[in-house]
N, C-alpha and C. Protein backbone atom coordinates (compact mmCIF):
# COMPACT_ATOMS: atom_id res chain seq x y z
N MET A 1 0.84 -1.18 0.00
CA MET A 1 0.00 0.00 0.00
C MET A 1 0.89 1.24 0.00
N GLU A 2 0.55 2.20 -0.82
CA GLU A 2 1.37 3.40 -0.96
C GLU A 2 1.09 4.39 0.17
N ALA A 3 2.13 5.08 0.62
CA ALA A 3 1.98 6.10 1.65
C ALA A 3 1.26 7.31 1.07
N VAL A 4 0.69 8.10 1.93
CA VAL A 4 0.00 9.32 1.50
C VAL A 4 1.03 10.32 1.01
N GLN A 5 0.72 10.98 -0.08
CA GLN A 5 1.63 11.99 -0.62
C GLN A 5 1.73 13.14 0.37
N THR A 6 2.92 13.64 0.60
CA THR A 6 3.13 14.66 1.62
C THR A 6 2.95 16.08 1.10
N THR A 7 2.86 16.26 -0.19
CA THR A 7 2.67 17.60 -0.73
C THR A 7 1.29 17.70 -1.35
N PRO A 8 0.52 18.72 -0.99
CA PRO A 8 -0.82 18.83 -1.54
C PRO A 8 -0.80 19.12 -3.03
N ALA A 9 -1.89 18.78 -3.67
CA ALA A 9 -2.01 19.04 -5.11
C ALA A 9 -2.05 20.54 -5.35
N PHE A 10 -1.61 20.93 -6.51
CA PHE A 10 -1.66 22.34 -6.87
C PHE A 10 -3.11 22.78 -7.01
N THR A 11 -3.42 23.98 -6.57
CA THR A 11 -4.79 24.48 -6.58
C THR A 11 -5.18 25.03 -7.94
N GLY A 12 -4.20 25.28 -8.79
CA GLY A 12 -4.51 25.91 -10.07
C GLY A 12 -4.41 27.42 -10.01
N GLN A 13 -4.21 27.97 -8.81
CA GLN A 13 -4.07 29.42 -8.66
C GLN A 13 -2.58 29.75 -8.76
N ARG A 14 -2.13 29.90 -9.97
CA ARG A 14 -0.71 30.13 -10.22
C ARG A 14 -0.29 31.50 -9.71
N VAL A 15 0.85 31.54 -9.03
CA VAL A 15 1.46 32.81 -8.64
C VAL A 15 2.26 33.27 -9.85
N ARG A 16 1.99 34.45 -10.31
CA ARG A 16 2.53 34.93 -11.58
C ARG A 16 4.04 35.14 -11.52
N LEU A 17 4.66 34.75 -12.60
CA LEU A 17 6.09 34.97 -12.81
C LEU A 17 6.38 36.46 -12.69
N GLY A 18 7.40 36.81 -11.92
CA GLY A 18 7.78 38.21 -11.76
C GLY A 18 7.11 38.92 -10.61
N SER A 19 6.10 38.28 -9.99
CA SER A 19 5.45 38.92 -8.84
C SER A 19 6.41 38.90 -7.65
N GLU A 20 6.13 39.71 -6.67
CA GLU A 20 7.00 39.78 -5.49
C GLU A 20 7.09 38.42 -4.79
N THR A 21 5.97 37.73 -4.69
CA THR A 21 5.98 36.41 -4.03
C THR A 21 6.78 35.41 -4.85
N TYR A 22 6.54 35.36 -6.15
CA TYR A 22 7.29 34.43 -7.00
C TYR A 22 8.79 34.70 -6.91
N ASN A 23 9.16 35.95 -7.06
CA ASN A 23 10.59 36.31 -7.01
C ASN A 23 11.20 35.95 -5.66
N GLY A 24 10.46 36.16 -4.57
CA GLY A 24 10.97 35.82 -3.25
C GLY A 24 11.19 34.33 -3.08
N ILE A 25 10.28 33.52 -3.63
CA ILE A 25 10.42 32.06 -3.54
C ILE A 25 11.58 31.58 -4.40
N VAL A 26 11.72 32.12 -5.59
CA VAL A 26 12.86 31.73 -6.44
C VAL A 26 14.17 32.12 -5.76
N GLU A 27 14.23 33.30 -5.18
CA GLU A 27 15.43 33.72 -4.46
C GLU A 27 15.71 32.77 -3.29
N PHE A 28 14.66 32.35 -2.58
CA PHE A 28 14.80 31.39 -1.49
C PHE A 28 15.42 30.07 -2.01
N LEU A 29 14.91 29.56 -3.13
CA LEU A 29 15.43 28.31 -3.70
C LEU A 29 16.88 28.45 -4.14
N TYR A 30 17.24 29.59 -4.73
CA TYR A 30 18.62 29.83 -5.14
C TYR A 30 19.54 29.93 -3.92
N ASP A 31 19.08 30.65 -2.89
CA ASP A 31 19.88 30.76 -1.66
C ASP A 31 20.08 29.40 -1.02
N GLU A 32 19.01 28.60 -1.01
CA GLU A 32 19.09 27.25 -0.44
C GLU A 32 20.12 26.41 -1.20
N ALA A 33 20.07 26.43 -2.52
CA ALA A 33 21.02 25.67 -3.34
C ALA A 33 22.46 26.13 -3.07
N ASP A 34 22.65 27.43 -2.95
CA ASP A 34 23.98 27.97 -2.69
C ASP A 34 24.51 27.52 -1.33
N LEU A 35 23.66 27.55 -0.31
CA LEU A 35 24.10 27.10 1.02
C LEU A 35 24.51 25.64 0.99
N LEU A 36 23.73 24.81 0.30
CA LEU A 36 24.07 23.39 0.22
C LEU A 36 25.35 23.17 -0.58
N ASP A 37 25.52 23.88 -1.68
CA ASP A 37 26.74 23.73 -2.49
C ASP A 37 27.98 24.24 -1.76
N GLN A 38 27.81 25.22 -0.91
CA GLN A 38 28.94 25.76 -0.13
C GLN A 38 29.14 25.00 1.18
N ILE A 39 28.37 23.94 1.37
CA ILE A 39 28.44 23.07 2.55
C ILE A 39 28.20 23.87 3.84
N LYS A 40 27.27 24.79 3.77
CA LYS A 40 26.85 25.56 4.93
C LYS A 40 25.56 24.93 5.46
N LEU A 41 25.70 23.72 5.97
CA LEU A 41 24.54 22.92 6.35
C LEU A 41 23.78 23.50 7.54
N LYS A 42 24.48 24.06 8.50
CA LYS A 42 23.78 24.64 9.65
C LYS A 42 22.94 25.85 9.22
N GLU A 43 23.47 26.66 8.31
CA GLU A 43 22.71 27.80 7.80
C GLU A 43 21.51 27.31 6.99
N TRP A 44 21.70 26.22 6.22
CA TRP A 44 20.57 25.64 5.49
C TRP A 44 19.52 25.13 6.47
N GLY A 45 19.95 24.53 7.56
CA GLY A 45 19.01 24.05 8.58
C GLY A 45 18.13 25.14 9.13
N ALA A 46 18.62 26.37 9.16
CA ALA A 46 17.82 27.50 9.64
C ALA A 46 16.67 27.83 8.70
N LEU A 47 16.70 27.32 7.47
CA LEU A 47 15.64 27.56 6.50
C LEU A 47 14.53 26.50 6.57
N LEU A 48 14.63 25.57 7.51
CA LEU A 48 13.69 24.46 7.60
C LEU A 48 12.65 24.73 8.68
N ALA A 49 11.40 24.46 8.36
CA ALA A 49 10.31 24.61 9.33
C ALA A 49 10.37 23.47 10.35
N PRO A 50 9.98 23.73 11.60
CA PRO A 50 10.05 22.69 12.63
C PRO A 50 9.14 21.49 12.36
N ASP A 51 8.15 21.64 11.49
CA ASP A 51 7.27 20.52 11.14
C ASP A 51 7.64 19.92 9.77
N LEU A 52 8.88 20.09 9.37
CA LEU A 52 9.37 19.63 8.07
C LEU A 52 9.09 18.14 7.85
N VAL A 53 8.70 17.83 6.61
CA VAL A 53 8.64 16.45 6.11
C VAL A 53 9.46 16.45 4.83
N TYR A 54 10.47 15.56 4.76
CA TYR A 54 11.42 15.52 3.64
C TYR A 54 11.49 14.08 3.14
N THR A 55 10.95 13.82 1.97
CA THR A 55 10.92 12.45 1.46
C THR A 55 11.49 12.36 0.05
N VAL A 56 12.11 11.22 -0.22
CA VAL A 56 12.60 10.89 -1.56
C VAL A 56 12.15 9.46 -1.84
N PRO A 57 10.98 9.31 -2.47
CA PRO A 57 10.50 7.96 -2.76
C PRO A 57 11.29 7.30 -3.88
N GLN A 58 11.19 6.00 -3.93
CA GLN A 58 11.87 5.25 -4.98
C GLN A 58 11.10 5.38 -6.29
N ARG A 59 11.80 5.23 -7.38
CA ARG A 59 11.21 5.31 -8.72
C ARG A 59 11.20 3.93 -9.33
N ALA A 60 10.14 3.61 -10.06
CA ALA A 60 10.03 2.32 -10.75
C ALA A 60 9.74 2.58 -12.22
N THR A 61 10.25 1.71 -13.06
CA THR A 61 9.97 1.81 -14.49
C THR A 61 8.70 1.03 -14.78
N ARG A 62 7.75 1.68 -15.42
CA ARG A 62 6.46 1.06 -15.73
C ARG A 62 6.10 1.31 -17.19
N LEU A 63 5.18 0.52 -17.68
CA LEU A 63 4.65 0.72 -19.02
C LEU A 63 3.89 2.04 -19.08
N LEU A 64 3.68 2.54 -20.27
CA LEU A 64 3.00 3.82 -20.45
C LEU A 64 1.64 3.84 -19.76
N ALA A 65 0.89 2.77 -19.83
CA ALA A 65 -0.44 2.71 -19.21
C ALA A 65 -0.36 2.71 -17.68
N GLU A 66 0.82 2.50 -17.12
CA GLU A 66 1.00 2.42 -15.67
C GLU A 66 1.83 3.57 -15.11
N GLN A 67 1.88 4.69 -15.80
CA GLN A 67 2.74 5.79 -15.38
C GLN A 67 2.39 6.35 -14.01
N ALA A 68 1.15 6.22 -13.60
CA ALA A 68 0.76 6.72 -12.28
C ALA A 68 1.44 5.95 -11.15
N GLN A 69 1.99 4.76 -11.45
CA GLN A 69 2.63 3.95 -10.42
C GLN A 69 4.16 4.00 -10.48
N THR A 70 4.73 4.99 -11.15
CA THR A 70 6.19 5.04 -11.25
C THR A 70 6.85 5.57 -9.97
N VAL A 71 6.10 6.28 -9.15
CA VAL A 71 6.63 6.77 -7.88
C VAL A 71 6.14 5.83 -6.78
N VAL A 72 7.08 5.17 -6.12
CA VAL A 72 6.75 4.16 -5.11
C VAL A 72 6.98 4.78 -3.74
N ARG A 73 5.91 5.25 -3.12
CA ARG A 73 6.04 5.96 -1.84
C ARG A 73 6.10 5.02 -0.64
N SER A 74 6.00 3.73 -0.87
CA SER A 74 6.13 2.77 0.23
C SER A 74 7.60 2.42 0.48
N VAL A 75 8.50 2.83 -0.43
CA VAL A 75 9.94 2.61 -0.29
C VAL A 75 10.62 3.96 -0.51
N MET A 76 11.43 4.38 0.45
CA MET A 76 12.01 5.72 0.40
C MET A 76 13.53 5.68 0.48
N HIS A 77 14.17 6.55 -0.30
CA HIS A 77 15.59 6.82 -0.10
C HIS A 77 15.76 7.66 1.17
N TYR A 78 14.89 8.67 1.34
CA TYR A 78 14.81 9.48 2.55
C TYR A 78 13.36 9.51 2.99
N ASP A 79 13.15 9.42 4.28
CA ASP A 79 11.82 9.61 4.87
C ASP A 79 12.09 10.30 6.20
N ASP A 80 12.31 11.61 6.12
CA ASP A 80 12.81 12.36 7.26
C ASP A 80 11.82 13.41 7.74
N ASN A 81 12.08 13.87 8.96
CA ASN A 81 11.38 15.01 9.52
C ASN A 81 12.45 16.01 9.98
N TYR A 82 12.01 17.07 10.61
CA TYR A 82 12.95 18.11 11.03
C TYR A 82 14.05 17.54 11.93
N ARG A 83 13.65 16.74 12.89
CA ARG A 83 14.62 16.20 13.85
C ARG A 83 15.65 15.32 13.17
N SER A 84 15.22 14.43 12.26
CA SER A 84 16.19 13.54 11.62
C SER A 84 17.08 14.30 10.64
N VAL A 85 16.54 15.32 9.96
CA VAL A 85 17.39 16.14 9.08
C VAL A 85 18.42 16.89 9.90
N MET A 86 18.01 17.44 11.03
CA MET A 86 18.97 18.15 11.89
C MET A 86 20.03 17.18 12.41
N GLY A 87 19.65 15.94 12.68
CA GLY A 87 20.62 14.92 13.07
C GLY A 87 21.61 14.63 11.96
N ARG A 88 21.14 14.57 10.72
CA ARG A 88 22.04 14.39 9.57
C ARG A 88 23.01 15.56 9.46
N ILE A 89 22.49 16.76 9.68
CA ILE A 89 23.35 17.95 9.62
C ILE A 89 24.42 17.88 10.71
N MET A 90 24.03 17.52 11.93
CA MET A 90 25.01 17.42 13.02
C MET A 90 26.07 16.37 12.70
N ARG A 91 25.66 15.23 12.17
CA ARG A 91 26.62 14.18 11.84
C ARG A 91 27.55 14.62 10.70
N ALA A 92 26.97 15.27 9.67
CA ALA A 92 27.77 15.69 8.51
C ALA A 92 28.77 16.78 8.87
N THR A 93 28.47 17.58 9.87
CA THR A 93 29.38 18.66 10.26
C THR A 93 30.26 18.27 11.44
N GLY A 94 30.12 17.03 11.90
CA GLY A 94 30.93 16.55 13.02
C GLY A 94 32.08 15.69 12.55
N LYS A 95 32.60 14.87 13.46
CA LYS A 95 33.77 14.06 13.17
C LYS A 95 33.44 12.68 12.60
N SER A 96 32.15 12.33 12.51
CA SER A 96 31.79 10.99 12.05
C SER A 96 31.15 11.00 10.66
N ALA A 97 31.49 11.97 9.85
CA ALA A 97 30.90 12.10 8.51
C ALA A 97 31.72 11.36 7.47
N TRP A 98 32.02 10.08 7.73
CA TRP A 98 32.93 9.36 6.84
C TRP A 98 32.41 9.25 5.41
N ALA A 99 31.09 9.25 5.20
CA ALA A 99 30.55 9.16 3.83
C ALA A 99 30.77 10.45 3.05
N GLU A 100 30.96 11.55 3.77
CA GLU A 100 31.13 12.85 3.12
C GLU A 100 32.36 13.59 3.63
N ASP A 101 33.42 12.83 3.91
CA ASP A 101 34.68 13.46 4.33
C ASP A 101 35.84 12.77 3.61
N PRO A 102 36.45 13.37 2.62
CA PRO A 102 36.21 14.75 2.19
C PRO A 102 34.83 14.89 1.54
N PRO A 103 34.28 16.09 1.63
CA PRO A 103 32.92 16.29 1.12
C PRO A 103 32.85 16.26 -0.40
N SER A 104 31.67 15.90 -0.87
CA SER A 104 31.40 15.97 -2.31
C SER A 104 31.45 17.41 -2.77
N ARG A 105 31.85 17.61 -3.99
CA ARG A 105 31.73 18.92 -4.63
C ARG A 105 30.45 18.85 -5.45
N THR A 106 29.52 19.73 -5.13
CA THR A 106 28.21 19.68 -5.77
C THR A 106 27.87 21.01 -6.42
N ARG A 107 26.98 20.91 -7.37
CA ARG A 107 26.40 22.09 -8.00
C ARG A 107 24.94 21.76 -8.23
N ARG A 108 24.06 22.58 -7.67
CA ARG A 108 22.62 22.39 -7.83
C ARG A 108 22.09 23.44 -8.79
N LEU A 109 21.50 22.99 -9.87
CA LEU A 109 20.90 23.88 -10.86
C LEU A 109 19.39 23.77 -10.73
N VAL A 110 18.76 24.84 -10.28
CA VAL A 110 17.32 24.87 -10.02
C VAL A 110 16.65 25.59 -11.19
N THR A 111 15.66 24.91 -11.81
CA THR A 111 14.98 25.50 -12.96
C THR A 111 13.48 25.20 -12.91
N ASN A 112 12.76 25.73 -13.90
CA ASN A 112 11.35 25.44 -14.13
C ASN A 112 10.52 25.60 -12.85
N VAL A 113 10.72 26.69 -12.16
CA VAL A 113 10.03 26.93 -10.90
C VAL A 113 8.59 27.38 -11.19
N ARG A 114 7.66 26.63 -10.61
CA ARG A 114 6.24 26.97 -10.71
C ARG A 114 5.69 27.08 -9.30
N VAL A 115 4.93 28.13 -9.05
CA VAL A 115 4.41 28.39 -7.71
C VAL A 115 2.90 28.52 -7.78
N ASP A 116 2.21 27.79 -6.90
CA ASP A 116 0.76 27.88 -6.76
C ASP A 116 0.41 28.25 -5.34
N THR A 117 -0.76 28.83 -5.16
CA THR A 117 -1.26 29.10 -3.83
C THR A 117 -1.78 27.79 -3.24
N THR A 118 -1.99 27.79 -1.94
CA THR A 118 -2.61 26.66 -1.25
C THR A 118 -3.77 27.20 -0.42
N ALA A 119 -4.43 26.33 0.30
CA ALA A 119 -5.54 26.75 1.16
C ALA A 119 -5.05 27.67 2.28
N ASN A 120 -3.77 27.56 2.65
CA ASN A 120 -3.17 28.42 3.67
C ASN A 120 -2.51 29.60 2.96
N ALA A 121 -2.94 30.80 3.30
CA ALA A 121 -2.44 32.01 2.61
C ALA A 121 -0.94 32.21 2.75
N ASP A 122 -0.32 31.63 3.78
CA ASP A 122 1.12 31.79 4.00
C ASP A 122 1.95 30.64 3.43
N GLU A 123 1.31 29.68 2.78
CA GLU A 123 2.03 28.54 2.22
C GLU A 123 1.82 28.47 0.71
N PHE A 124 2.87 28.03 0.02
CA PHE A 124 2.84 27.94 -1.42
C PHE A 124 3.33 26.58 -1.86
N ALA A 125 2.65 26.00 -2.84
CA ALA A 125 3.09 24.74 -3.44
C ALA A 125 4.06 25.11 -4.55
N VAL A 126 5.27 24.60 -4.46
CA VAL A 126 6.34 24.97 -5.39
C VAL A 126 6.87 23.71 -6.04
N ARG A 127 6.86 23.70 -7.36
CA ARG A 127 7.50 22.62 -8.11
C ARG A 127 8.71 23.20 -8.80
N SER A 128 9.79 22.44 -8.77
CA SER A 128 11.00 22.88 -9.48
C SER A 128 11.75 21.65 -9.95
N TYR A 129 12.58 21.87 -10.93
CA TYR A 129 13.48 20.81 -11.39
C TYR A 129 14.85 21.09 -10.81
N LEU A 130 15.55 20.01 -10.49
CA LEU A 130 16.88 20.13 -9.93
C LEU A 130 17.80 19.20 -10.70
N LEU A 131 18.93 19.72 -11.13
CA LEU A 131 20.01 18.91 -11.67
C LEU A 131 21.18 19.07 -10.72
N LEU A 132 21.58 17.95 -10.12
CA LEU A 132 22.69 17.94 -9.18
C LEU A 132 23.89 17.30 -9.85
N THR A 133 25.00 18.02 -9.88
CA THR A 133 26.26 17.41 -10.29
C THR A 133 27.06 17.19 -9.01
N ARG A 134 27.75 16.05 -8.96
CA ARG A 134 28.48 15.68 -7.75
C ARG A 134 29.77 14.99 -8.13
N SER A 135 30.87 15.52 -7.65
CA SER A 135 32.16 14.87 -7.89
C SER A 135 32.80 14.56 -6.54
N ARG A 136 33.60 13.50 -6.55
CA ARG A 136 34.24 13.04 -5.32
C ARG A 136 35.72 12.84 -5.57
N PHE A 137 36.50 13.08 -4.56
CA PHE A 137 37.93 12.80 -4.55
C PHE A 137 38.62 13.45 -5.75
N ASN A 138 39.54 12.75 -6.41
CA ASN A 138 40.24 13.29 -7.57
C ASN A 138 39.84 12.58 -8.84
N HIS A 139 38.64 12.04 -8.85
CA HIS A 139 38.17 11.33 -10.04
C HIS A 139 37.76 12.31 -11.13
N ASP A 140 37.92 11.89 -12.37
CA ASP A 140 37.51 12.75 -13.47
C ASP A 140 36.05 12.52 -13.85
N GLU A 141 35.38 11.65 -13.16
CA GLU A 141 33.96 11.38 -13.41
C GLU A 141 33.12 12.13 -12.38
N TYR A 142 31.86 12.35 -12.73
CA TYR A 142 30.95 12.96 -11.78
C TYR A 142 29.57 12.34 -11.94
N ASP A 143 28.79 12.44 -10.89
CA ASP A 143 27.43 11.92 -10.88
C ASP A 143 26.47 13.02 -11.30
N LEU A 144 25.42 12.59 -11.99
CA LEU A 144 24.31 13.49 -12.32
C LEU A 144 23.05 12.91 -11.71
N VAL A 145 22.31 13.73 -10.99
CA VAL A 145 21.02 13.32 -10.46
C VAL A 145 20.02 14.39 -10.88
N SER A 146 19.03 13.99 -11.66
CA SER A 146 17.98 14.92 -12.06
C SER A 146 16.69 14.53 -11.38
N CYS A 147 15.92 15.55 -10.99
CA CYS A 147 14.70 15.26 -10.25
C CYS A 147 13.72 16.42 -10.32
N GLU A 148 12.51 16.12 -9.92
CA GLU A 148 11.49 17.14 -9.70
C GLU A 148 11.29 17.26 -8.20
N ARG A 149 11.23 18.48 -7.70
CA ARG A 149 10.97 18.69 -6.28
C ARG A 149 9.58 19.29 -6.13
N ARG A 150 8.84 18.75 -5.19
CA ARG A 150 7.50 19.23 -4.88
C ARG A 150 7.54 19.73 -3.44
N ASP A 151 7.54 21.02 -3.29
CA ASP A 151 7.75 21.64 -1.98
C ASP A 151 6.51 22.37 -1.49
N ILE A 152 6.45 22.52 -0.19
CA ILE A 152 5.58 23.51 0.44
C ILE A 152 6.53 24.50 1.10
N VAL A 153 6.43 25.75 0.67
CA VAL A 153 7.27 26.82 1.20
C VAL A 153 6.35 27.75 1.97
N ARG A 154 6.73 28.05 3.20
CA ARG A 154 5.90 28.84 4.11
C ARG A 154 6.54 30.21 4.33
N ARG A 155 5.71 31.24 4.20
CA ARG A 155 6.20 32.60 4.48
C ARG A 155 6.52 32.70 5.97
N SER A 156 7.66 33.31 6.27
CA SER A 156 8.10 33.51 7.65
C SER A 156 8.73 34.89 7.73
N GLY A 157 7.94 35.86 8.15
CA GLY A 157 8.43 37.24 8.18
C GLY A 157 8.71 37.73 6.78
N ASP A 158 9.93 38.19 6.53
CA ASP A 158 10.31 38.68 5.21
C ASP A 158 10.88 37.59 4.31
N SER A 159 10.94 36.36 4.81
CA SER A 159 11.53 35.27 4.04
C SER A 159 10.59 34.08 4.02
N PHE A 160 11.16 32.90 3.81
CA PHE A 160 10.38 31.67 3.70
C PHE A 160 11.09 30.55 4.44
N LEU A 161 10.33 29.50 4.76
CA LEU A 161 10.87 28.27 5.34
C LEU A 161 10.39 27.10 4.48
N LEU A 162 11.20 26.08 4.41
CA LEU A 162 10.82 24.86 3.71
C LEU A 162 10.05 23.98 4.69
N ALA A 163 8.77 23.71 4.39
CA ALA A 163 7.92 22.92 5.28
C ALA A 163 7.76 21.48 4.79
N ARG A 164 7.75 21.27 3.49
CA ARG A 164 7.62 19.94 2.91
C ARG A 164 8.48 19.86 1.66
N ARG A 165 9.07 18.70 1.46
CA ARG A 165 9.79 18.46 0.20
C ARG A 165 9.64 16.99 -0.15
N GLU A 166 9.14 16.77 -1.34
CA GLU A 166 9.14 15.43 -1.92
C GLU A 166 9.98 15.52 -3.18
N VAL A 167 11.01 14.69 -3.26
CA VAL A 167 11.92 14.70 -4.40
C VAL A 167 11.64 13.46 -5.23
N ILE A 168 11.28 13.67 -6.47
CA ILE A 168 11.02 12.57 -7.40
C ILE A 168 12.22 12.47 -8.33
N ILE A 169 13.10 11.51 -8.06
CA ILE A 169 14.30 11.33 -8.87
C ILE A 169 13.90 10.69 -10.19
N ASP A 170 14.49 11.15 -11.29
CA ASP A 170 14.14 10.63 -12.60
C ASP A 170 14.61 9.19 -12.81
N GLN A 171 15.76 8.85 -12.26
CA GLN A 171 16.31 7.52 -12.47
C GLN A 171 15.69 6.50 -11.54
N ALA A 172 15.44 5.30 -12.07
CA ALA A 172 15.01 4.18 -11.23
C ALA A 172 16.23 3.59 -10.51
N VAL A 173 17.38 3.62 -11.17
CA VAL A 173 18.64 3.17 -10.57
C VAL A 173 19.54 4.40 -10.50
N ILE A 174 19.86 4.82 -9.30
CA ILE A 174 20.65 6.04 -9.13
C ILE A 174 22.12 5.71 -9.35
N GLY A 175 22.76 6.47 -10.22
CA GLY A 175 24.16 6.22 -10.58
C GLY A 175 25.14 6.90 -9.67
N THR A 176 24.92 6.85 -8.38
CA THR A 176 25.84 7.43 -7.42
C THR A 176 26.02 6.41 -6.29
N PRO A 177 27.23 6.27 -5.74
CA PRO A 177 27.48 5.21 -4.76
C PRO A 177 26.68 5.39 -3.46
N ASN A 178 26.33 6.63 -3.11
CA ASN A 178 25.49 6.87 -1.94
C ASN A 178 24.74 8.18 -2.16
N LEU A 179 23.68 8.35 -1.45
CA LEU A 179 22.88 9.55 -1.55
C LEU A 179 23.02 10.33 -0.24
N ALA A 180 24.24 10.74 0.06
CA ALA A 180 24.55 11.38 1.33
C ALA A 180 24.48 12.90 1.24
N VAL A 181 23.86 13.42 0.18
CA VAL A 181 23.69 14.87 0.05
C VAL A 181 22.19 15.17 -0.02
N PHE A 182 21.83 16.38 0.36
CA PHE A 182 20.43 16.80 0.30
C PHE A 182 20.09 17.26 -1.10
N LEU A 183 18.90 16.92 -1.52
CA LEU A 183 18.40 17.34 -2.81
C LEU A 183 17.43 18.48 -2.61
């Protein structure tokens, strides 16, 4: 049985490109990507809402008639909340981060940002595409991870917080030895 999707459906009330809200959310996503690429994990943690839900379900290859079943929410790469994400941040910035020490060199390219309103006036459903490049050690090869992110971004004063994130990775088999970085 599949788990309940953590991000609400888009309402159809698109926030217009170029509006103050749209621009603020895009700036938030760019700032978030920059903090992660610069390995400023504690600063990134400050952008997370205390009721955060962060999931990365597994992907399955299906026939065209079965495309609705390509996202398998009963099996997750990540199934985290605020507390477990903060624990990952503490471990990654401490002395026991063997999976990421030396750290990966990453570049997050955020595109195709679409923002819709939700039933809560302070929350927005945000879809974006992410292309992550990741290189390790002195290898001349690098990993590519492409995905769609389905977020709930909550207004918090003059900025925003990430309240929900579901990452739908395009690949059914991820071509990276571990998924020890945040998407």
